Amino acid sequence: MSRQKECAGPTGQLAASRFPPWSSAQEAFISDNLPMERATTGPRLIIVCGLPGSGKTTLAKMLESRLGAVRFSPDEWMDALSLSLWDEERRGKIEGLQWKIAQELLGLGLTVIIEWGTWGRVERDTLRIGARALGAAVELHYVSAPADVLFQRIQRRGMEKPPIERDAVSRWFEIFQAPTAEEMALFDKPLIADHATD
């Protein structure tokens, strides 16, 4: 449909005069070049893994901007809905919804970033296998920092209510399953190499 037809309606005449229809050469150029980056990379899932305060959001936002990706962060959705970040039941539902939407976007050939922390190998395996079933490449980016640094960053951002205690950060290190070299080898080479995060 031409832009002139799309502008039809009460203001169609004015819109048509301000926006003359594209020539067929212009339409061909736009159609060939607009989706070029996505077409050359194909669908891609990027998993950003790490503990709170490790720099996941900093890295994920950089990748989102550089790759034109869609980023899913349950913390942001929960904050927008005025939900407690500690509400694990609602967090699970939000992550389930985000994964459903992510799969639909991957099916459209887009790049999707999952910024859930993915503390366990099983969770990362599930995402990788699910995305590969859709024909998507899958990257894993692991970010980490010493416990004292994590605690300082978490205190500085002040998102968690009640505030996180220092002992909790130490317990996270015991629970968290950091990706091994063997696991990392199961993923595709990243389009953009990791950089130090703050």
N, C-alpha and C. Protein backbone atom coordinates (compact mmCIF):
# COMPACT_ATOMS: atom_id res chain seq x y z
N MET A 1 0.86 -1.18 0.00
CA MET A 1 0.00 0.00 0.00
C MET A 1 0.90 1.23 0.00
N SER A 2 0.59 2.20 -0.82
CA SER A 2 1.41 3.41 -0.89
C SER A 2 1.14 4.29 0.32
N ARG A 3 2.08 5.20 0.61
CA ARG A 3 1.87 6.13 1.71
C ARG A 3 0.68 7.02 1.45
N GLN A 4 0.43 7.35 0.18
CA GLN A 4 -0.68 8.25 -0.13
C GLN A 4 -2.00 7.59 0.27
N LYS A 5 -2.14 6.30 -0.04
CA LYS A 5 -3.37 5.59 0.33
C LYS A 5 -3.50 5.47 1.84
N GLU A 6 -2.36 5.26 2.54
CA GLU A 6 -2.41 5.13 3.99
C GLU A 6 -2.88 6.43 4.63
N CYS A 7 -2.64 7.56 3.97
CA CYS A 7 -3.00 8.86 4.54
C CYS A 7 -4.43 9.26 4.21
N ALA A 8 -5.19 8.40 3.54
CA ALA A 8 -6.56 8.75 3.16
C ALA A 8 -7.39 9.02 4.40
N GLY A 9 -8.41 9.81 4.26
CA GLY A 9 -9.26 10.14 5.39
C GLY A 9 -9.46 11.64 5.44
N PRO A 10 -10.00 12.16 6.55
CA PRO A 10 -10.30 13.58 6.64
C PRO A 10 -9.09 14.46 6.35
N THR A 11 -7.89 14.03 6.76
CA THR A 11 -6.70 14.85 6.52
C THR A 11 -5.86 14.29 5.39
N GLY A 12 -6.40 13.36 4.64
CA GLY A 12 -5.65 12.70 3.58
C GLY A 12 -5.08 13.65 2.55
N GLN A 13 -5.86 14.66 2.16
CA GLN A 13 -5.39 15.60 1.14
C GLN A 13 -4.15 16.34 1.61
N LEU A 14 -4.20 16.83 2.87
CA LEU A 14 -3.07 17.57 3.41
C LEU A 14 -1.86 16.64 3.56
N ALA A 15 -2.09 15.45 4.10
CA ALA A 15 -0.98 14.51 4.30
C ALA A 15 -0.37 14.11 2.98
N ALA A 16 -1.20 13.90 1.96
CA ALA A 16 -0.69 13.49 0.65
C ALA A 16 0.18 14.58 0.04
N SER A 17 -0.18 15.86 0.30
CA SER A 17 0.63 16.93 -0.28
C SER A 17 1.96 17.08 0.47
N ARG A 18 1.96 16.83 1.77
CA ARG A 18 3.21 16.94 2.54
C ARG A 18 4.11 15.74 2.32
N PHE A 19 3.51 14.58 2.07
CA PHE A 19 4.27 13.35 1.89
C PHE A 19 3.94 12.72 0.54
N PRO A 20 4.58 13.17 -0.52
CA PRO A 20 4.28 12.59 -1.82
C PRO A 20 4.65 11.11 -1.83
N PRO A 21 4.00 10.32 -2.69
CA PRO A 21 4.29 8.88 -2.70
C PRO A 21 5.73 8.62 -3.12
N TRP A 22 6.28 7.55 -2.54
CA TRP A 22 7.64 7.15 -2.92
C TRP A 22 7.65 6.61 -4.33
N SER A 23 8.77 6.79 -5.00
CA SER A 23 8.92 6.16 -6.31
C SER A 23 9.16 4.67 -6.07
N SER A 24 8.97 3.87 -7.12
CA SER A 24 9.19 2.43 -6.96
C SER A 24 10.65 2.15 -6.61
N ALA A 25 11.57 2.97 -7.09
CA ALA A 25 12.99 2.78 -6.76
C ALA A 25 13.23 3.04 -5.27
N GLN A 26 12.57 4.09 -4.72
CA GLN A 26 12.73 4.38 -3.30
C GLN A 26 12.15 3.26 -2.44
N GLU A 27 10.95 2.77 -2.83
CA GLU A 27 10.34 1.69 -2.07
C GLU A 27 11.20 0.43 -2.11
N ALA A 28 11.78 0.13 -3.27
CA ALA A 28 12.65 -1.05 -3.39
C ALA A 28 13.88 -0.89 -2.52
N PHE A 29 14.47 0.30 -2.50
CA PHE A 29 15.66 0.54 -1.70
C PHE A 29 15.36 0.34 -0.21
N ILE A 30 14.25 0.91 0.25
CA ILE A 30 13.88 0.79 1.66
C ILE A 30 13.59 -0.66 2.00
N SER A 31 12.83 -1.32 1.16
CA SER A 31 12.48 -2.72 1.43
C SER A 31 13.71 -3.62 1.45
N ASP A 32 14.70 -3.32 0.60
CA ASP A 32 15.91 -4.14 0.56
C ASP A 32 16.86 -3.86 1.72
N ASN A 33 16.87 -2.62 2.22
CA ASN A 33 17.88 -2.23 3.19
C ASN A 33 17.40 -2.10 4.62
N LEU A 34 16.12 -1.88 4.86
CA LEU A 34 15.63 -1.69 6.22
C LEU A 34 15.90 -2.90 7.10
N PRO A 35 15.55 -4.13 6.66
CA PRO A 35 15.77 -5.28 7.54
C PRO A 35 17.13 -5.94 7.34
N MET A 36 18.07 -5.26 6.71
CA MET A 36 19.32 -5.90 6.31
C MET A 36 20.07 -6.52 7.48
N GLU A 37 20.23 -5.80 8.60
CA GLU A 37 21.01 -6.33 9.71
C GLU A 37 20.37 -7.59 10.26
N ARG A 38 19.06 -7.56 10.42
CA ARG A 38 18.37 -8.75 10.94
C ARG A 38 18.46 -9.91 9.97
N ALA A 39 18.32 -9.63 8.70
CA ALA A 39 18.33 -10.71 7.71
C ALA A 39 19.68 -11.41 7.68
N THR A 40 20.77 -10.67 7.90
CA THR A 40 22.08 -11.29 7.83
C THR A 40 22.39 -12.09 9.09
N THR A 41 21.77 -11.77 10.21
CA THR A 41 22.06 -12.51 11.43
C THR A 41 21.02 -13.58 11.72
N GLY A 42 19.80 -13.41 11.26
CA GLY A 42 18.73 -14.36 11.57
C GLY A 42 18.28 -14.22 13.02
N PRO A 43 17.32 -15.04 13.43
CA PRO A 43 16.84 -14.95 14.81
C PRO A 43 17.96 -15.30 15.80
N ARG A 44 17.98 -14.60 16.91
CA ARG A 44 19.06 -14.81 17.88
C ARG A 44 18.55 -14.54 19.28
N LEU A 45 18.81 -15.48 20.18
CA LEU A 45 18.51 -15.29 21.60
C LEU A 45 19.82 -15.01 22.32
N ILE A 46 19.84 -13.95 23.11
CA ILE A 46 21.00 -13.59 23.90
C ILE A 46 20.61 -13.69 25.37
N ILE A 47 21.27 -14.60 26.09
CA ILE A 47 21.01 -14.79 27.51
C ILE A 47 22.10 -14.06 28.28
N VAL A 48 21.70 -13.15 29.17
CA VAL A 48 22.66 -12.44 30.01
C VAL A 48 22.52 -13.00 31.42
N CYS A 49 23.59 -13.62 31.88
CA CYS A 49 23.58 -14.43 33.10
C CYS A 49 24.48 -13.81 34.16
N GLY A 50 24.01 -13.79 35.41
CA GLY A 50 24.83 -13.29 36.51
C GLY A 50 23.99 -12.92 37.72
N LEU A 51 24.66 -12.69 38.81
CA LEU A 51 23.99 -12.32 40.06
C LEU A 51 23.57 -10.84 40.04
N PRO A 52 22.66 -10.45 40.93
CA PRO A 52 22.30 -9.03 41.02
C PRO A 52 23.54 -8.17 41.29
N GLY A 53 23.63 -7.06 40.58
CA GLY A 53 24.76 -6.15 40.75
C GLY A 53 25.98 -6.50 39.93
N SER A 54 25.90 -7.56 39.14
CA SER A 54 27.07 -8.01 38.36
C SER A 54 27.27 -7.21 37.07
N GLY A 55 26.25 -6.46 36.66
CA GLY A 55 26.36 -5.68 35.43
C GLY A 55 25.51 -6.20 34.30
N LYS A 56 24.52 -7.07 34.61
CA LYS A 56 23.67 -7.64 33.56
C LYS A 56 22.92 -6.56 32.79
N THR A 57 22.31 -5.64 33.52
CA THR A 57 21.50 -4.62 32.86
C THR A 57 22.36 -3.70 32.01
N THR A 58 23.53 -3.32 32.51
CA THR A 58 24.43 -2.47 31.74
C THR A 58 24.79 -3.13 30.42
N LEU A 59 25.17 -4.41 30.49
CA LEU A 59 25.54 -5.15 29.28
C LEU A 59 24.33 -5.34 28.37
N ALA A 60 23.19 -5.75 28.96
CA ALA A 60 22.00 -6.03 28.16
C ALA A 60 21.51 -4.78 27.42
N LYS A 61 21.56 -3.62 28.08
CA LYS A 61 21.13 -2.39 27.42
C LYS A 61 22.08 -2.00 26.29
N MET A 62 23.36 -2.24 26.47
CA MET A 62 24.32 -1.94 25.41
C MET A 62 24.05 -2.84 24.20
N LEU A 63 23.82 -4.14 24.44
CA LEU A 63 23.53 -5.07 23.35
C LEU A 63 22.20 -4.72 22.68
N GLU A 64 21.22 -4.34 23.48
CA GLU A 64 19.91 -3.93 22.95
C GLU A 64 20.07 -2.77 21.98
N SER A 65 20.85 -1.78 22.38
CA SER A 65 21.06 -0.60 21.54
C SER A 65 21.86 -0.92 20.28
N ARG A 66 22.93 -1.67 20.44
CA ARG A 66 23.82 -1.96 19.30
C ARG A 66 23.18 -2.90 18.29
N LEU A 67 22.35 -3.83 18.75
CA LEU A 67 21.79 -4.85 17.86
C LEU A 67 20.33 -4.60 17.48
N GLY A 68 19.72 -3.56 18.01
CA GLY A 68 18.30 -3.33 17.73
C GLY A 68 17.45 -4.48 18.26
N ALA A 69 17.82 -4.99 19.44
CA ALA A 69 17.16 -6.17 20.01
C ALA A 69 16.00 -5.76 20.91
N VAL A 70 15.20 -6.76 21.28
CA VAL A 70 14.12 -6.58 22.25
C VAL A 70 14.62 -7.22 23.55
N ARG A 71 14.62 -6.44 24.64
CA ARG A 71 15.18 -6.89 25.91
C ARG A 71 14.07 -7.17 26.92
N PHE A 72 14.19 -8.29 27.62
CA PHE A 72 13.22 -8.66 28.64
C PHE A 72 13.89 -8.72 30.00
N SER A 73 13.43 -7.88 30.92
CA SER A 73 13.94 -7.83 32.29
C SER A 73 12.74 -7.91 33.24
N PRO A 74 12.60 -8.99 34.00
CA PRO A 74 11.45 -9.08 34.91
C PRO A 74 11.45 -7.99 35.97
N ASP A 75 12.63 -7.57 36.45
CA ASP A 75 12.67 -6.52 37.47
C ASP A 75 12.01 -5.24 36.97
N GLU A 76 12.26 -4.88 35.71
CA GLU A 76 11.68 -3.65 35.16
C GLU A 76 10.16 -3.77 35.05
N TRP A 77 9.68 -4.93 34.62
CA TRP A 77 8.23 -5.12 34.51
C TRP A 77 7.59 -5.07 35.90
N MET A 78 8.23 -5.72 36.88
CA MET A 78 7.68 -5.74 38.23
C MET A 78 7.66 -4.35 38.82
N ASP A 79 8.71 -3.58 38.58
CA ASP A 79 8.76 -2.20 39.07
C ASP A 79 7.67 -1.36 38.42
N ALA A 80 7.47 -1.55 37.11
CA ALA A 80 6.45 -0.79 36.38
C ALA A 80 5.04 -1.13 36.88
N LEU A 81 4.86 -2.36 37.36
CA LEU A 81 3.56 -2.80 37.86
C LEU A 81 3.43 -2.63 39.37
N SER A 82 4.41 -1.96 40.00
CA SER A 82 4.43 -1.74 41.45
C SER A 82 4.35 -3.04 42.24
N LEU A 83 5.06 -4.06 41.75
CA LEU A 83 5.12 -5.36 42.43
C LEU A 83 6.43 -5.46 43.20
N SER A 84 6.40 -6.20 44.28
CA SER A 84 7.62 -6.43 45.05
C SER A 84 8.57 -7.31 44.24
N LEU A 85 9.84 -6.92 44.23
CA LEU A 85 10.84 -7.74 43.53
C LEU A 85 11.03 -9.09 44.19
N TRP A 86 10.52 -9.25 45.42
CA TRP A 86 10.64 -10.51 46.16
C TRP A 86 9.47 -11.45 45.89
N ASP A 87 8.48 -11.02 45.11
CA ASP A 87 7.29 -11.85 44.84
C ASP A 87 7.65 -12.89 43.77
N GLU A 88 8.12 -14.04 44.23
CA GLU A 88 8.61 -15.07 43.31
C GLU A 88 7.50 -15.66 42.43
N GLU A 89 6.28 -15.74 42.96
CA GLU A 89 5.18 -16.28 42.16
C GLU A 89 4.89 -15.39 40.96
N ARG A 90 4.79 -14.09 41.21
CA ARG A 90 4.53 -13.16 40.10
C ARG A 90 5.73 -13.04 39.17
N ARG A 91 6.93 -13.10 39.73
CA ARG A 91 8.13 -13.09 38.89
C ARG A 91 8.11 -14.27 37.92
N GLY A 92 7.73 -15.44 38.42
CA GLY A 92 7.65 -16.62 37.56
C GLY A 92 6.64 -16.44 36.43
N LYS A 93 5.50 -15.82 36.74
CA LYS A 93 4.48 -15.58 35.72
C LYS A 93 4.98 -14.57 34.69
N ILE A 94 5.66 -13.53 35.15
CA ILE A 94 6.19 -12.52 34.23
C ILE A 94 7.25 -13.14 33.32
N GLU A 95 8.14 -13.94 33.90
CA GLU A 95 9.16 -14.59 33.07
C GLU A 95 8.52 -15.55 32.06
N GLY A 96 7.46 -16.25 32.48
CA GLY A 96 6.75 -17.14 31.56
C GLY A 96 6.15 -16.36 30.40
N LEU A 97 5.55 -15.22 30.70
CA LEU A 97 4.97 -14.36 29.66
C LEU A 97 6.07 -13.80 28.76
N GLN A 98 7.17 -13.36 29.36
CA GLN A 98 8.28 -12.83 28.57
C GLN A 98 8.83 -13.90 27.63
N TRP A 99 8.96 -15.13 28.10
CA TRP A 99 9.48 -16.21 27.24
C TRP A 99 8.52 -16.52 26.11
N LYS A 100 7.22 -16.47 26.39
CA LYS A 100 6.22 -16.70 25.33
C LYS A 100 6.35 -15.64 24.23
N ILE A 101 6.45 -14.37 24.64
CA ILE A 101 6.59 -13.27 23.67
C ILE A 101 7.94 -13.39 22.95
N ALA A 102 8.99 -13.74 23.70
CA ALA A 102 10.32 -13.88 23.11
C ALA A 102 10.32 -14.93 22.00
N GLN A 103 9.64 -16.05 22.22
CA GLN A 103 9.59 -17.10 21.20
C GLN A 103 8.87 -16.60 19.94
N GLU A 104 7.80 -15.83 20.13
CA GLU A 104 7.09 -15.27 18.98
C GLU A 104 8.01 -14.32 18.19
N LEU A 105 8.79 -13.52 18.90
CA LEU A 105 9.72 -12.59 18.23
C LEU A 105 10.84 -13.34 17.52
N LEU A 106 11.34 -14.39 18.15
CA LEU A 106 12.36 -15.21 17.48
C LEU A 106 11.79 -15.83 16.20
N GLY A 107 10.52 -16.25 16.27
CA GLY A 107 9.87 -16.80 15.09
C GLY A 107 9.76 -15.79 13.95
N LEU A 108 9.82 -14.51 14.29
CA LEU A 108 9.78 -13.44 13.29
C LEU A 108 11.18 -13.04 12.83
N GLY A 109 12.19 -13.73 13.34
CA GLY A 109 13.56 -13.46 12.92
C GLY A 109 14.26 -12.36 13.68
N LEU A 110 13.74 -11.98 14.84
CA LEU A 110 14.33 -10.87 15.60
C LEU A 110 15.37 -11.35 16.61
N THR A 111 16.08 -10.39 17.18
CA THR A 111 17.05 -10.66 18.23
C THR A 111 16.42 -10.32 19.57
N VAL A 112 16.50 -11.25 20.51
CA VAL A 112 15.86 -11.10 21.82
C VAL A 112 16.91 -11.28 22.91
N ILE A 113 16.84 -10.43 23.92
CA ILE A 113 17.75 -10.53 25.07
C ILE A 113 16.94 -10.91 26.30
N ILE A 114 17.35 -11.99 26.95
CA ILE A 114 16.75 -12.42 28.21
C ILE A 114 17.71 -12.03 29.33
N GLU A 115 17.24 -11.15 30.21
CA GLU A 115 18.06 -10.65 31.31
C GLU A 115 17.43 -11.08 32.63
N TRP A 116 17.42 -12.40 32.86
CA TRP A 116 16.76 -12.94 34.05
C TRP A 116 17.74 -13.32 35.16
N GLY A 117 19.01 -13.33 34.88
CA GLY A 117 19.98 -13.82 35.85
C GLY A 117 20.32 -15.27 35.56
N THR A 118 19.30 -16.08 35.27
CA THR A 118 19.46 -17.51 34.94
C THR A 118 20.54 -18.14 35.82
N TRP A 119 20.22 -18.29 37.09
CA TRP A 119 21.17 -18.78 38.09
C TRP A 119 21.53 -20.25 37.90
N GLY A 120 20.67 -21.04 37.26
CA GLY A 120 20.90 -22.48 37.15
C GLY A 120 21.15 -22.93 35.72
N ARG A 121 21.94 -23.96 35.58
CA ARG A 121 22.26 -24.54 34.27
C ARG A 121 20.99 -25.03 33.57
N VAL A 122 20.09 -25.63 34.33
CA VAL A 122 18.87 -26.18 33.73
C VAL A 122 18.06 -25.07 33.06
N GLU A 123 17.96 -23.93 33.70
CA GLU A 123 17.20 -22.81 33.12
C GLU A 123 17.85 -22.34 31.81
N ARG A 124 19.18 -22.25 31.81
CA ARG A 124 19.88 -21.82 30.59
C ARG A 124 19.74 -22.87 29.48
N ASP A 125 19.80 -24.15 29.86
CA ASP A 125 19.61 -25.22 28.88
C ASP A 125 18.23 -25.15 28.25
N THR A 126 17.21 -24.91 29.08
CA THR A 126 15.83 -24.83 28.59
C THR A 126 15.67 -23.72 27.56
N LEU A 127 16.24 -22.55 27.87
CA LEU A 127 16.16 -21.42 26.93
C LEU A 127 16.92 -21.73 25.64
N ARG A 128 18.11 -22.29 25.78
CA ARG A 128 18.93 -22.59 24.59
C ARG A 128 18.23 -23.60 23.68
N ILE A 129 17.73 -24.67 24.26
CA ILE A 129 17.07 -25.72 23.46
C ILE A 129 15.79 -25.18 22.83
N GLY A 130 15.02 -24.39 23.59
CA GLY A 130 13.78 -23.82 23.06
C GLY A 130 14.03 -22.88 21.90
N ALA A 131 15.06 -22.05 22.01
CA ALA A 131 15.38 -21.11 20.93
C ALA A 131 15.93 -21.85 19.71
N ARG A 132 16.76 -22.85 19.94
CA ARG A 132 17.32 -23.61 18.81
C ARG A 132 16.21 -24.34 18.05
N ALA A 133 15.18 -24.77 18.76
CA ALA A 133 14.06 -25.44 18.11
C ALA A 133 13.34 -24.51 17.14
N LEU A 134 13.50 -23.20 17.35
CA LEU A 134 12.91 -22.20 16.46
C LEU A 134 13.88 -21.75 15.38
N GLY A 135 15.05 -22.39 15.34
CA GLY A 135 16.05 -22.04 14.32
C GLY A 135 16.90 -20.84 14.69
N ALA A 136 16.90 -20.47 15.97
CA ALA A 136 17.65 -19.29 16.39
C ALA A 136 19.05 -19.64 16.86
N ALA A 137 19.98 -18.74 16.62
CA ALA A 137 21.30 -18.83 17.24
C ALA A 137 21.11 -18.40 18.70
N VAL A 138 21.99 -18.90 19.58
CA VAL A 138 21.86 -18.58 21.00
C VAL A 138 23.22 -18.21 21.57
N GLU A 139 23.29 -17.03 22.20
CA GLU A 139 24.50 -16.57 22.87
C GLU A 139 24.30 -16.62 24.37
N LEU A 140 25.40 -16.84 25.10
CA LEU A 140 25.38 -16.73 26.56
C LEU A 140 26.48 -15.76 26.97
N HIS A 141 26.07 -14.71 27.69
CA HIS A 141 27.02 -13.74 28.24
C HIS A 141 26.97 -13.86 29.76
N TYR A 142 28.10 -14.19 30.37
CA TYR A 142 28.17 -14.34 31.82
C TYR A 142 28.95 -13.17 32.40
N VAL A 143 28.32 -12.44 33.33
CA VAL A 143 28.99 -11.32 33.99
C VAL A 143 29.10 -11.61 35.48
N SER A 144 30.22 -11.24 36.05
CA SER A 144 30.43 -11.51 37.47
C SER A 144 31.23 -10.39 38.11
N ALA A 145 31.24 -10.38 39.44
CA ALA A 145 32.01 -9.42 40.21
C ALA A 145 32.17 -10.02 41.61
N PRO A 146 33.20 -9.60 42.34
CA PRO A 146 33.37 -10.08 43.72
C PRO A 146 32.17 -9.70 44.59
N ALA A 147 31.96 -10.47 45.65
CA ALA A 147 30.80 -10.26 46.53
C ALA A 147 30.74 -8.84 47.08
N ASP A 148 31.86 -8.27 47.49
CA ASP A 148 31.86 -6.92 48.05
C ASP A 148 31.41 -5.89 47.01
N VAL A 149 31.84 -6.08 45.76
CA VAL A 149 31.45 -5.17 44.69
C VAL A 149 29.95 -5.29 44.41
N LEU A 150 29.45 -6.54 44.35
CA LEU A 150 28.01 -6.75 44.14
C LEU A 150 27.22 -6.02 45.23
N PHE A 151 27.63 -6.21 46.47
CA PHE A 151 26.90 -5.61 47.59
C PHE A 151 26.90 -4.08 47.49
N GLN A 152 28.04 -3.48 47.17
CA GLN A 152 28.12 -2.02 47.03
C GLN A 152 27.20 -1.52 45.92
N ARG A 153 27.19 -2.21 44.78
CA ARG A 153 26.34 -1.79 43.66
C ARG A 153 24.87 -1.89 44.03
N ILE A 154 24.50 -2.99 44.69
CA ILE A 154 23.10 -3.20 45.07
C ILE A 154 22.65 -2.10 46.04
N GLN A 155 23.52 -1.77 47.01
CA GLN A 155 23.20 -0.70 47.96
C GLN A 155 23.05 0.63 47.25
N ARG A 156 23.92 0.88 46.26
CA ARG A 156 23.91 2.15 45.55
C ARG A 156 22.62 2.32 44.74
N ARG A 157 22.16 1.25 44.08
CA ARG A 157 20.96 1.40 43.24
C ARG A 157 19.69 1.45 44.07
N GLY A 158 19.66 0.81 45.24
CA GLY A 158 18.55 0.92 46.18
C GLY A 158 17.19 0.46 45.66
N MET A 159 17.18 -0.55 44.77
CA MET A 159 15.91 -1.03 44.21
C MET A 159 15.17 -1.98 45.15
N GLU A 160 15.92 -2.76 45.91
CA GLU A 160 15.31 -3.83 46.70
C GLU A 160 14.76 -3.30 48.02
N LYS A 161 13.53 -3.69 48.31
CA LYS A 161 12.88 -3.31 49.57
C LYS A 161 12.25 -4.57 50.15
N PRO A 162 12.69 -5.04 51.31
CA PRO A 162 13.73 -4.45 52.16
C PRO A 162 15.11 -4.59 51.54
N PRO A 163 16.06 -3.76 52.01
CA PRO A 163 17.42 -3.82 51.45
C PRO A 163 18.05 -5.20 51.65
N ILE A 164 18.94 -5.56 50.74
CA ILE A 164 19.62 -6.84 50.80
C ILE A 164 20.77 -6.76 51.80
N GLU A 165 20.89 -7.79 52.63
CA GLU A 165 21.98 -7.87 53.62
C GLU A 165 23.22 -8.46 52.97
N ARG A 166 24.37 -8.14 53.54
CA ARG A 166 25.65 -8.63 53.00
C ARG A 166 25.73 -10.15 53.03
N ASP A 167 25.17 -10.79 54.07
CA ASP A 167 25.19 -12.25 54.17
C ASP A 167 24.42 -12.91 53.03
N ALA A 168 23.36 -12.24 52.57
CA ALA A 168 22.57 -12.80 51.47
C ALA A 168 23.41 -12.91 50.21
N VAL A 169 24.26 -11.92 49.96
CA VAL A 169 25.11 -11.95 48.78
C VAL A 169 26.06 -13.14 48.85
N SER A 170 26.60 -13.43 50.02
CA SER A 170 27.48 -14.59 50.19
C SER A 170 26.72 -15.88 49.92
N ARG A 171 25.48 -15.96 50.36
CA ARG A 171 24.67 -17.17 50.11
C ARG A 171 24.39 -17.34 48.62
N TRP A 172 24.20 -16.23 47.90
CA TRP A 172 23.95 -16.33 46.46
C TRP A 172 25.09 -17.05 45.75
N PHE A 173 26.31 -16.77 46.15
CA PHE A 173 27.46 -17.41 45.52
C PHE A 173 27.44 -18.92 45.70
N GLU A 174 26.87 -19.38 46.82
CA GLU A 174 26.77 -20.82 47.07
C GLU A 174 25.70 -21.46 46.19
N ILE A 175 24.65 -20.71 45.89
CA ILE A 175 23.51 -21.24 45.12
C ILE A 175 23.76 -21.14 43.61
N PHE A 176 24.38 -20.05 43.19
CA PHE A 176 24.54 -19.75 41.77
C PHE A 176 25.41 -20.78 41.06
N GLN A 177 24.95 -21.26 39.91
CA GLN A 177 25.72 -22.20 39.09
C GLN A 177 26.35 -21.43 37.93
N ALA A 178 27.60 -21.03 38.12
CA ALA A 178 28.29 -20.27 37.07
C ALA A 178 28.52 -21.17 35.87
N PRO A 179 28.36 -20.64 34.66
CA PRO A 179 28.61 -21.46 33.45
C PRO A 179 30.06 -21.93 33.39
N THR A 180 30.23 -23.20 33.05
CA THR A 180 31.56 -23.77 32.87
C THR A 180 31.99 -23.57 31.42
N ALA A 181 33.26 -23.83 31.15
CA ALA A 181 33.75 -23.75 29.77
C ALA A 181 33.00 -24.73 28.89
N GLU A 182 32.68 -25.89 29.44
CA GLU A 182 31.93 -26.91 28.68
C GLU A 182 30.55 -26.38 28.28
N GLU A 183 29.86 -25.71 29.22
CA GLU A 183 28.55 -25.15 28.91
C GLU A 183 28.67 -24.02 27.89
N MET A 184 29.63 -23.12 28.08
CA MET A 184 29.80 -22.00 27.16
C MET A 184 30.01 -22.48 25.72
N ALA A 185 30.66 -23.63 25.57
CA ALA A 185 30.93 -24.17 24.24
C ALA A 185 29.66 -24.60 23.51
N LEU A 186 28.55 -24.74 24.23
CA LEU A 186 27.28 -25.13 23.61
C LEU A 186 26.58 -23.95 22.92
N PHE A 187 27.08 -22.75 23.15
CA PHE A 187 26.44 -21.54 22.63
C PHE A 187 27.20 -21.00 21.42
N ASP A 188 26.50 -20.17 20.65
CA ASP A 188 27.10 -19.55 19.47
C ASP A 188 28.03 -18.41 19.87
N LYS A 189 28.95 -18.10 18.96
CA LYS A 189 29.87 -16.99 19.18
C LYS A 189 29.06 -15.70 19.22
N PRO A 190 29.31 -14.82 20.20
CA PRO A 190 28.56 -13.56 20.29
C PRO A 190 28.83 -12.64 19.11
N LEU A 191 27.80 -11.92 18.68
CA LEU A 191 27.97 -10.92 17.62
C LEU A 191 28.84 -9.76 18.12
N ILE A 192 28.71 -9.45 19.43
CA ILE A 192 29.49 -8.38 20.05
C ILE A 192 30.16 -8.97 21.28
N ALA A 193 31.47 -8.87 21.35
CA ALA A 193 32.21 -9.43 22.47
C ALA A 193 31.88 -8.66 23.75
N ASP A 194 31.96 -9.37 24.88
CA ASP A 194 31.70 -8.73 26.17
C ASP A 194 32.74 -7.67 26.47
N HIS A 195 32.28 -6.63 27.17
CA HIS A 195 33.18 -5.58 27.66
C HIS A 195 33.01 -5.52 29.16
N ALA A 196 33.91 -4.89 29.81
CA ALA A 196 33.79 -4.72 31.25
C ALA A 196 32.53 -3.92 31.56
N THR A 197 31.81 -4.32 32.58
CA THR A 197 30.60 -3.60 32.98
C THR A 197 30.82 -2.96 34.33
N ASP A 198 30.04 -1.91 34.61
CA ASP A 198 30.21 -1.26 35.91
C ASP A 198 28.94 -1.28 36.70
